[in-house]
Amino acid sequence: ILDATTARSENLCERCAAPARLRRTRRLWLTL
């Protein structure tokens, strides 16, 4: 259950819930 949830987060914008990808453009990595 937890791994499936984590996997879904990898493609979901943490800010708006749109399709997204991992961004390593700042000190804090974000999926946006």
PDB file of all heavy atoms in Angstrom:
ATOM      1  N   ILE A   1       0.840  -1.211   0.000  1.00  0.00           N
ATOM      2  CA  ILE A   1       0.000   0.000   0.000  1.00  0.00           C
ATOM      3  C   ILE A   1       0.869   1.252   0.000  1.00  0.00           C
ATOM      4  O   ILE A   1       0.665   2.179  -0.799  1.00  0.00           O
ATOM      5  CB  ILE A   1      -0.954   0.000   1.208  1.00  0.00           C
ATOM      6  CG1 ILE A   1      -1.978  -1.133   1.087  1.00  0.00           C
ATOM      7  CG2 ILE A   1      -1.667   1.349   1.342  1.00  0.00           C
ATOM      8  CD1 ILE A   1      -2.774  -1.383   2.352  1.00  0.00           C
ATOM      9  N   LEU A   2       1.850   1.290   0.893  1.00  0.00           N
ATOM     10  CA  LEU A   2       2.691   2.486   1.021  1.00  0.00           C
ATOM     11  C   LEU A   2       3.561   2.704  -0.217  1.00  0.00           C
ATOM     12  O   LEU A   2       3.715   3.844  -0.680  1.00  0.00           O
ATOM     13  CB  LEU A   2       3.547   2.406   2.282  1.00  0.00           C
ATOM     14  CG  LEU A   2       2.780   2.300   3.600  1.00  0.00           C
ATOM     15  CD1 LEU A   2       3.740   2.273   4.778  1.00  0.00           C
ATOM     16  CD2 LEU A   2       1.763   3.419   3.746  1.00  0.00           C
ATOM     17  N   ASP A   3       4.110   1.635  -0.774  1.00  0.00           N
ATOM     18  CA  ASP A   3       4.941   1.771  -1.972  1.00  0.00           C
ATOM     19  C   ASP A   3       4.125   2.252  -3.164  1.00  0.00           C
ATOM     20  O   ASP A   3       4.598   3.058  -3.970  1.00  0.00           O
ATOM     21  CB  ASP A   3       5.636   0.453  -2.306  1.00  0.00           C
ATOM     22  CG  ASP A   3       6.697   0.063  -1.283  1.00  0.00           C
ATOM     23  OD1 ASP A   3       7.061   0.897  -0.426  1.00  0.00           O
ATOM     24  OD2 ASP A   3       7.149  -1.102  -1.323  1.00  0.00           O
ATOM     25  N   ALA A   4       2.883   1.776  -3.281  1.00  0.00           N
ATOM     26  CA  ALA A   4       2.013   2.230  -4.374  1.00  0.00           C
ATOM     27  C   ALA A   4       1.688   3.712  -4.227  1.00  0.00           C
ATOM     28  O   ALA A   4       1.653   4.457  -5.212  1.00  0.00           O
ATOM     29  CB  ALA A   4       0.728   1.406  -4.411  1.00  0.00           C
ATOM     30  N   THR A   5       1.473   4.158  -3.004  1.00  0.00           N
ATOM     31  CA  THR A   5       1.185   5.571  -2.753  1.00  0.00           C
ATOM     32  C   THR A   5       2.399   6.424  -3.101  1.00  0.00           C
ATOM     33  O   THR A   5       2.274   7.458  -3.766  1.00  0.00           O
ATOM     34  CB  THR A   5       0.769   5.775  -1.283  1.00  0.00           C
ATOM     35  OG1 THR A   5      -0.425   5.023  -1.044  1.00  0.00           O
ATOM     36  CG2 THR A   5       0.525   7.238  -0.977  1.00  0.00           C
ATOM     37  N   THR A   6       3.565   5.991  -2.672  1.00  0.00           N
ATOM     38  CA  THR A   6       4.797   6.717  -2.987  1.00  0.00           C
ATOM     39  C   THR A   6       4.992   6.793  -4.501  1.00  0.00           C
ATOM     40  O   THR A   6       5.337   7.851  -5.041  1.00  0.00           O
ATOM     41  CB  THR A   6       6.007   6.054  -2.312  1.00  0.00           C
ATOM     42  OG1 THR A   6       5.823   6.108  -0.900  1.00  0.00           O
ATOM     43  CG2 THR A   6       7.309   6.741  -2.690  1.00  0.00           C
ATOM     44  N   ALA A   7       4.764   5.694  -5.188  1.00  0.00           N
ATOM     45  CA  ALA A   7       4.921   5.675  -6.648  1.00  0.00           C
ATOM     46  C   ALA A   7       3.974   6.665  -7.321  1.00  0.00           C
ATOM     47  O   ALA A   7       4.366   7.345  -8.277  1.00  0.00           O
ATOM     48  CB  ALA A   7       4.686   4.264  -7.180  1.00  0.00           C
ATOM     49  N   ARG A   8       2.750   6.760  -6.845  1.00  0.00           N
ATOM     50  CA  ARG A   8       1.800   7.724  -7.420  1.00  0.00           C
ATOM     51  C   ARG A   8       2.279   9.157  -7.209  1.00  0.00           C
ATOM     52  O   ARG A   8       2.088  10.014  -8.070  1.00  0.00           O
ATOM     53  CB  ARG A   8       0.415   7.536  -6.809  1.00  0.00           C
ATOM     54  CG  ARG A   8      -0.296   6.313  -7.353  1.00  0.00           C
ATOM     55  CD  ARG A   8      -1.650   6.081  -6.735  1.00  0.00           C
ATOM     56  NE  ARG A   8      -2.544   7.211  -6.864  1.00  0.00           N
ATOM     57  CZ  ARG A   8      -3.596   7.419  -6.086  1.00  0.00           C
ATOM     58  NH1 ARG A   8      -3.892   6.573  -5.127  1.00  0.00           N
ATOM     59  NH2 ARG A   8      -4.363   8.476  -6.282  1.00  0.00           N
ATOM     60  N   SER A   9       2.932   9.428  -6.083  1.00  0.00           N
ATOM     61  CA  SER A   9       3.401  10.791  -5.800  1.00  0.00           C
ATOM     62  C   SER A   9       4.504  11.229  -6.755  1.00  0.00           C
ATOM     63  O   SER A   9       4.709  12.429  -6.955  1.00  0.00           O
ATOM     64  CB  SER A   9       3.898  10.902  -4.354  1.00  0.00           C
ATOM     65  OG  SER A   9       5.170  10.299  -4.176  1.00  0.00           O
ATOM     66  N   GLU A  10       5.204  10.279  -7.351  1.00  0.00           N
ATOM     67  CA  GLU A  10       6.324  10.607  -8.231  1.00  0.00           C
ATOM     68  C   GLU A  10       5.888  11.277  -9.529  1.00  0.00           C
ATOM     69  O   GLU A  10       6.726  11.823 -10.242  1.00  0.00           O
ATOM     70  CB  GLU A  10       7.119   9.343  -8.543  1.00  0.00           C
ATOM     71  CG  GLU A  10       7.820   8.777  -7.334  1.00  0.00           C
ATOM     72  CD  GLU A  10       8.465   7.430  -7.587  1.00  0.00           C
ATOM     73  OE1 GLU A  10       8.299   6.862  -8.687  1.00  0.00           O
ATOM     74  OE2 GLU A  10       9.133   6.931  -6.660  1.00  0.00           O
ATOM     75  N   ASN A  11       4.594  11.240  -9.832  1.00  0.00           N
ATOM     76  CA  ASN A  11       4.080  11.838 -11.071  1.00  0.00           C
ATOM     77  C   ASN A  11       2.939  12.810 -10.817  1.00  0.00           C
ATOM     78  O   ASN A  11       2.176  13.106 -11.728  1.00  0.00           O
ATOM     79  CB  ASN A  11       3.594  10.722 -12.009  1.00  0.00           C
ATOM     80  CG  ASN A  11       4.719   9.789 -12.375  1.00  0.00           C
ATOM     81  OD1 ASN A  11       5.716  10.198 -12.942  1.00  0.00           O
ATOM     82  ND2 ASN A  11       4.581   8.534 -12.011  1.00  0.00           N
ATOM     83  N   LEU A  12       2.824  13.299  -9.586  1.00  0.00           N
ATOM     84  CA  LEU A  12       1.728  14.165  -9.191  1.00  0.00           C
ATOM     85  C   LEU A  12       2.295  15.422  -8.546  1.00  0.00           C
ATOM     86  O   LEU A  12       3.055  15.329  -7.577  1.00  0.00           O
ATOM     87  CB  LEU A  12       0.841  13.416  -8.186  1.00  0.00           C
ATOM     88  CG  LEU A  12      -0.474  14.028  -7.802  1.00  0.00           C
ATOM     89  CD1 LEU A  12      -1.439  14.015  -8.993  1.00  0.00           C
ATOM     90  CD2 LEU A  12      -1.083  13.254  -6.636  1.00  0.00           C
ATOM     91  N   CYS A  13       1.941  16.581  -9.096  1.00  0.00           N
ATOM     92  CA  CYS A  13       2.477  17.839  -8.577  1.00  0.00           C
ATOM     93  C   CYS A  13       2.091  18.015  -7.111  1.00  0.00           C
ATOM     94  O   CYS A  13       0.916  17.974  -6.754  1.00  0.00           O
ATOM     95  CB  CYS A  13       1.950  19.011  -9.403  1.00  0.00           C
ATOM     96  SG  CYS A  13       2.581  20.625  -8.855  1.00  0.00           S
ATOM     97  N   GLU A  14       3.086  18.212  -6.289  1.00  0.00           N
ATOM     98  CA  GLU A  14       2.851  18.391  -4.857  1.00  0.00           C
ATOM     99  C   GLU A  14       2.100  19.681  -4.566  1.00  0.00           C
ATOM    100  O   GLU A  14       1.427  19.795  -3.556  1.00  0.00           O
ATOM    101  CB  GLU A  14       4.179  18.369  -4.102  1.00  0.00           C
ATOM    102  CG  GLU A  14       4.005  18.395  -2.600  1.00  0.00           C
ATOM    103  CD  GLU A  14       5.289  18.349  -1.811  1.00  0.00           C
ATOM    104  OE1 GLU A  14       6.379  18.218  -2.412  1.00  0.00           O
ATOM    105  OE2 GLU A  14       5.206  18.443  -0.580  1.00  0.00           O
ATOM    106  N   ARG A  15       2.151  20.621  -5.466  1.00  0.00           N
ATOM    107  CA  ARG A  15       1.499  21.917  -5.253  1.00  0.00           C
ATOM    108  C   ARG A  15       0.070  21.958  -5.783  1.00  0.00           C
ATOM    109  O   ARG A  15      -0.816  22.502  -5.155  1.00  0.00           O
ATOM    110  CB  ARG A  15       2.324  23.022  -5.903  1.00  0.00           C
ATOM    111  CG  ARG A  15       1.811  24.415  -5.639  1.00  0.00           C
ATOM    112  CD  ARG A  15       2.858  25.437  -6.086  1.00  0.00           C
ATOM    113  NE  ARG A  15       2.413  26.783  -5.824  1.00  0.00           N
ATOM    114  CZ  ARG A  15       2.108  27.650  -6.772  1.00  0.00           C
ATOM    115  NH1 ARG A  15       2.191  27.310  -8.056  1.00  0.00           N
ATOM    116  NH2 ARG A  15       1.724  28.868  -6.458  1.00  0.00           N
ATOM    117  N   CYS A  16      -0.200  21.358  -6.970  1.00  0.00           N
ATOM    118  CA  CYS A  16      -1.532  21.516  -7.584  1.00  0.00           C
ATOM    119  C   CYS A  16      -2.193  20.220  -8.028  1.00  0.00           C
ATOM    120  O   CYS A  16      -3.327  20.244  -8.497  1.00  0.00           O
ATOM    121  CB  CYS A  16      -1.447  22.487  -8.756  1.00  0.00           C
ATOM    122  SG  CYS A  16      -0.715  21.762 -10.247  1.00  0.00           S
ATOM    123  N   ALA A  17      -1.529  19.084  -7.936  1.00  0.00           N
ATOM    124  CA  ALA A  17      -2.047  17.753  -8.290  1.00  0.00           C
ATOM    125  C   ALA A  17      -2.092  17.478  -9.794  1.00  0.00           C
ATOM    126  O   ALA A  17      -2.677  16.496 -10.222  1.00  0.00           O
ATOM    127  CB  ALA A  17      -3.426  17.504  -7.667  1.00  0.00           C
ATOM    128  N   ALA A  18      -1.460  18.307 -10.598  1.00  0.00           N
ATOM    129  CA  ALA A  18      -1.374  18.054 -12.045  1.00  0.00           C
ATOM    130  C   ALA A  18      -0.275  17.011 -12.309  1.00  0.00           C
ATOM    131  O   ALA A  18       0.567  16.754 -11.448  1.00  0.00           O
ATOM    132  CB  ALA A  18      -1.052  19.351 -12.779  1.00  0.00           C
ATOM    133  N   PRO A  19      -0.260  16.418 -13.502  1.00  0.00           N
ATOM    134  CA  PRO A  19       0.855  15.529 -13.849  1.00  0.00           C
ATOM    135  C   PRO A  19       2.183  16.287 -13.709  1.00  0.00           C
ATOM    136  O   PRO A  19       2.271  17.471 -14.056  1.00  0.00           O
ATOM    137  CB  PRO A  19       0.574  15.161 -15.305  1.00  0.00           C
ATOM    138  CG  PRO A  19      -0.909  15.304 -15.433  1.00  0.00           C
ATOM    139  CD  PRO A  19      -1.268  16.478 -14.557  1.00  0.00           C
ATOM    140  N   ALA A  20       3.199  15.611 -13.169  1.00  0.00           N
ATOM    141  CA  ALA A  20       4.441  16.311 -12.824  1.00  0.00           C
ATOM    142  C   ALA A  20       5.628  15.366 -12.917  1.00  0.00           C
ATOM    143  O   ALA A  20       5.475  14.177 -13.197  1.00  0.00           O
ATOM    144  CB  ALA A  20       4.316  16.864 -11.404  1.00  0.00           C
ATOM    145  N   ARG A  21       6.792  15.939 -12.638  1.00  0.00           N
ATOM    146  CA  ARG A  21       8.017  15.148 -12.582  1.00  0.00           C
ATOM    147  C   ARG A  21       8.938  15.723 -11.510  1.00  0.00           C
ATOM    148  O   ARG A  21       8.766  16.872 -11.078  1.00  0.00           O
ATOM    149  CB  ARG A  21       8.719  15.109 -13.930  1.00  0.00           C
ATOM    150  CG  ARG A  21       9.195  16.437 -14.445  1.00  0.00           C
ATOM    151  CD  ARG A  21       9.793  16.294 -15.857  1.00  0.00           C
ATOM    152  NE  ARG A  21      10.135  17.574 -16.419  1.00  0.00           N
ATOM    153  CZ  ARG A  21      11.299  18.192 -16.229  1.00  0.00           C
ATOM    154  NH1 ARG A  21      12.238  17.630 -15.498  1.00  0.00           N
ATOM    155  NH2 ARG A  21      11.536  19.360 -16.789  1.00  0.00           N
ATOM    156  N   LEU A  22       9.910  14.935 -11.099  1.00  0.00           N
ATOM    157  CA  LEU A  22      10.863  15.360 -10.075  1.00  0.00           C
ATOM    158  C   LEU A  22      11.704  16.512 -10.596  1.00  0.00           C
ATOM    159  O   LEU A  22      12.228  16.460 -11.712  1.00  0.00           O
ATOM    160  CB  LEU A  22      11.765  14.183  -9.676  1.00  0.00           C
ATOM    161  CG  LEU A  22      12.829  14.490  -8.625  1.00  0.00           C
ATOM    162  CD1 LEU A  22      12.200  14.894  -7.301  1.00  0.00           C
ATOM    163  CD2 LEU A  22      13.722  13.274  -8.433  1.00  0.00           C
ATOM    164  N   ARG A  23      11.835  17.553  -9.772  1.00  0.00           N
ATOM    165  CA  ARG A  23      12.662  18.729 -10.112  1.00  0.00           C
ATOM    166  C   ARG A  23      13.796  18.831  -9.092  1.00  0.00           C
ATOM    167  O   ARG A  23      13.563  18.891  -7.896  1.00  0.00           O
ATOM    168  CB  ARG A  23      11.835  20.014 -10.069  1.00  0.00           C
ATOM    169  CG  ARG A  23      10.517  19.969 -10.821  1.00  0.00           C
ATOM    170  CD  ARG A  23      10.722  19.837 -12.327  1.00  0.00           C
ATOM    171  NE  ARG A  23       9.436  19.730 -12.990  1.00  0.00           N
ATOM    172  CZ  ARG A  23       9.107  20.357 -14.099  1.00  0.00           C
ATOM    173  NH1 ARG A  23       9.989  21.105 -14.730  1.00  0.00           N
ATOM    174  NH2 ARG A  23       7.907  20.199 -14.627  1.00  0.00           N
ATOM    175  N   ARG A  24      14.999  18.871  -9.599  1.00  0.00           N
ATOM    176  CA  ARG A  24      16.176  19.020  -8.739  1.00  0.00           C
ATOM    177  C   ARG A  24      16.809  20.386  -9.001  1.00  0.00           C
ATOM    178  O   ARG A  24      18.028  20.508  -9.052  1.00  0.00           O
ATOM    179  CB  ARG A  24      17.170  17.897  -9.019  1.00  0.00           C
ATOM    180  CG  ARG A  24      16.630  16.533  -8.683  1.00  0.00           C
ATOM    181  CD  ARG A  24      17.621  15.459  -9.008  1.00  0.00           C
ATOM    182  NE  ARG A  24      17.055  14.147  -8.734  1.00  0.00           N
ATOM    183  CZ  ARG A  24      17.544  13.021  -9.188  1.00  0.00           C
ATOM    184  NH1 ARG A  24      18.609  13.022  -9.955  1.00  0.00           N
ATOM    185  NH2 ARG A  24      16.967  11.892  -8.893  1.00  0.00           N
ATOM    186  N   THR A  25      15.981  21.393  -9.145  1.00  0.00           N
ATOM    187  CA  THR A  25      16.441  22.728  -9.527  1.00  0.00           C
ATOM    188  C   THR A  25      16.663  23.649  -8.338  1.00  0.00           C
ATOM    189  O   THR A  25      17.041  24.794  -8.522  1.00  0.00           O
ATOM    190  CB  THR A  25      15.420  23.380 -10.475  1.00  0.00           C
ATOM    191  OG1 THR A  25      14.133  23.353  -9.853  1.00  0.00           O
ATOM    192  CG2 THR A  25      15.355  22.626 -11.800  1.00  0.00           C
ATOM    193  N   ARG A  26      16.425  23.181  -7.146  1.00  0.00           N
ATOM    194  CA  ARG A  26      16.622  23.980  -5.935  1.00  0.00           C
ATOM    195  C   ARG A  26      17.144  23.056  -4.844  1.00  0.00           C
ATOM    196  O   ARG A  26      17.188  21.844  -5.022  1.00  0.00           O
ATOM    197  CB  ARG A  26      15.334  24.701  -5.541  1.00  0.00           C
ATOM    198  CG  ARG A  26      14.125  23.806  -5.427  1.00  0.00           C
ATOM    199  CD  ARG A  26      12.801  24.522  -5.219  1.00  0.00           C
ATOM    200  NE  ARG A  26      12.324  25.404  -6.254  1.00  0.00           N
ATOM    201  CZ  ARG A  26      11.804  25.010  -7.426  1.00  0.00           C
ATOM    202  NH1 ARG A  26      11.719  23.734  -7.717  1.00  0.00           N
ATOM    203  NH2 ARG A  26      11.372  25.888  -8.285  1.00  0.00           N
ATOM    204  N   ARG A  27      17.497  23.625  -3.721  1.00  0.00           N
ATOM    205  CA  ARG A  27      18.028  22.836  -2.601  1.00  0.00           C
ATOM    206  C   ARG A  27      17.073  21.716  -2.196  1.00  0.00           C
ATOM    207  O   ARG A  27      17.485  20.597  -1.921  1.00  0.00           O
ATOM    208  CB  ARG A  27      18.277  23.769  -1.408  1.00  0.00           C
ATOM    209  CG  ARG A  27      18.879  23.093  -0.209  1.00  0.00           C
ATOM    210  CD  ARG A  27      19.014  24.043   0.980  1.00  0.00           C
ATOM    211  NE  ARG A  27      17.747  24.615   1.393  1.00  0.00           N
ATOM    212  CZ  ARG A  27      16.864  24.000   2.191  1.00  0.00           C
ATOM    213  NH1 ARG A  27      17.117  22.795   2.641  1.00  0.00           N
ATOM    214  NH2 ARG A  27      15.748  24.587   2.525  1.00  0.00           N
ATOM    215  N   LEU A  28      15.777  21.991  -2.189  1.00  0.00           N
ATOM    216  CA  LEU A  28      14.753  21.016  -1.837  1.00  0.00           C
ATOM    217  C   LEU A  28      14.203  20.388  -3.109  1.00  0.00           C
ATOM    218  O   LEU A  28      13.684  21.090  -3.971  1.00  0.00           O
ATOM    219  CB  LEU A  28      13.625  21.726  -1.068  1.00  0.00           C
ATOM    220  CG  LEU A  28      12.453  20.904  -0.593  1.00  0.00           C
ATOM    221  CD1 LEU A  28      12.904  19.897   0.448  1.00  0.00           C
ATOM    222  CD2 LEU A  28      11.395  21.829  -0.001  1.00  0.00           C
ATOM    223  N   TRP A  29      14.351  19.079  -3.260  1.00  0.00           N
ATOM    224  CA  TRP A  29      13.802  18.402  -4.434  1.00  0.00           C
ATOM    225  C   TRP A  29      12.290  18.393  -4.328  1.00  0.00           C
ATOM    226  O   TRP A  29      11.729  18.099  -3.268  1.00  0.00           O
ATOM    227  CB  TRP A  29      14.290  16.974  -4.522  1.00  0.00           C
ATOM    228  CG  TRP A  29      15.760  16.816  -4.774  1.00  0.00           C
ATOM    229  CD1 TRP A  29      16.699  17.795  -4.856  1.00  0.00           C
ATOM    230  CD2 TRP A  29      16.443  15.593  -4.968  1.00  0.00           C
ATOM    231  NE1 TRP A  29      17.930  17.254  -5.092  1.00  0.00           N
ATOM    232  CE2 TRP A  29      17.801  15.903  -5.162  1.00  0.00           C
ATOM    233  CE3 TRP A  29      16.047  14.282  -4.993  1.00  0.00           C
ATOM    234  CZ2 TRP A  29      18.761  14.926  -5.386  1.00  0.00           C
ATOM    235  CZ3 TRP A  29      17.002  13.310  -5.216  1.00  0.00           C
ATOM    236  CH2 TRP A  29      18.351  13.634  -5.414  1.00  0.00           C
ATOM    237  N   LEU A  30      11.611  18.679  -5.424  1.00  0.00           N
ATOM    238  CA  LEU A  30      10.151  18.725  -5.452  1.00  0.00           C
ATOM    239  C   LEU A  30       9.619  18.041  -6.701  1.00  0.00           C
ATOM    240  O   LEU A  30      10.268  18.061  -7.747  1.00  0.00           O
ATOM    241  CB  LEU A  30       9.655  20.177  -5.449  1.00  0.00           C
ATOM    242  CG  LEU A  30       9.990  21.017  -4.217  1.00  0.00           C
ATOM    243  CD1 LEU A  30       9.675  22.481  -4.470  1.00  0.00           C
ATOM    244  CD2 LEU A  30       9.238  20.506  -3.008  1.00  0.00           C
ATOM    245  N   THR A  31       8.428  17.463  -6.606  1.00  0.00           N
ATOM    246  CA  THR A  31       7.736  16.930  -7.771  1.00  0.00           C
ATOM    247  C   THR A  31       6.706  17.976  -8.168  1.00  0.00           C
ATOM    248  O   THR A  31       5.759  18.245  -7.418  1.00  0.00           O
ATOM    249  CB  THR A  31       7.085  15.574  -7.458  1.00  0.00           C
ATOM    250  OG1 THR A  31       8.131  14.665  -7.090  1.00  0.00           O
ATOM    251  CG2 THR A  31       6.349  15.033  -8.664  1.00  0.00           C
ATOM    252  N   LEU A  32       6.936  18.615  -9.319  1.00  0.00           N
ATOM    253  CA  LEU A  32       6.110  19.739  -9.756  1.00  0.00           C
ATOM    254  C   LEU A  32       5.768  19.631 -11.236  1.00  0.00           C
ATOM    255  O   LEU A  32       6.527  19.062 -12.022  1.00  0.00           O
ATOM    256  CB  LEU A  32       6.860  21.067  -9.534  1.00  0.00           C
ATOM    257  CG  LEU A  32       7.277  21.419  -8.110  1.00  0.00           C
ATOM    258  CD1 LEU A  32       8.209  22.621  -8.108  1.00  0.00           C
ATOM    259  CD2 LEU A  32       6.055  21.671  -7.242  1.00  0.00           C
TER     260      LEU A  32
END
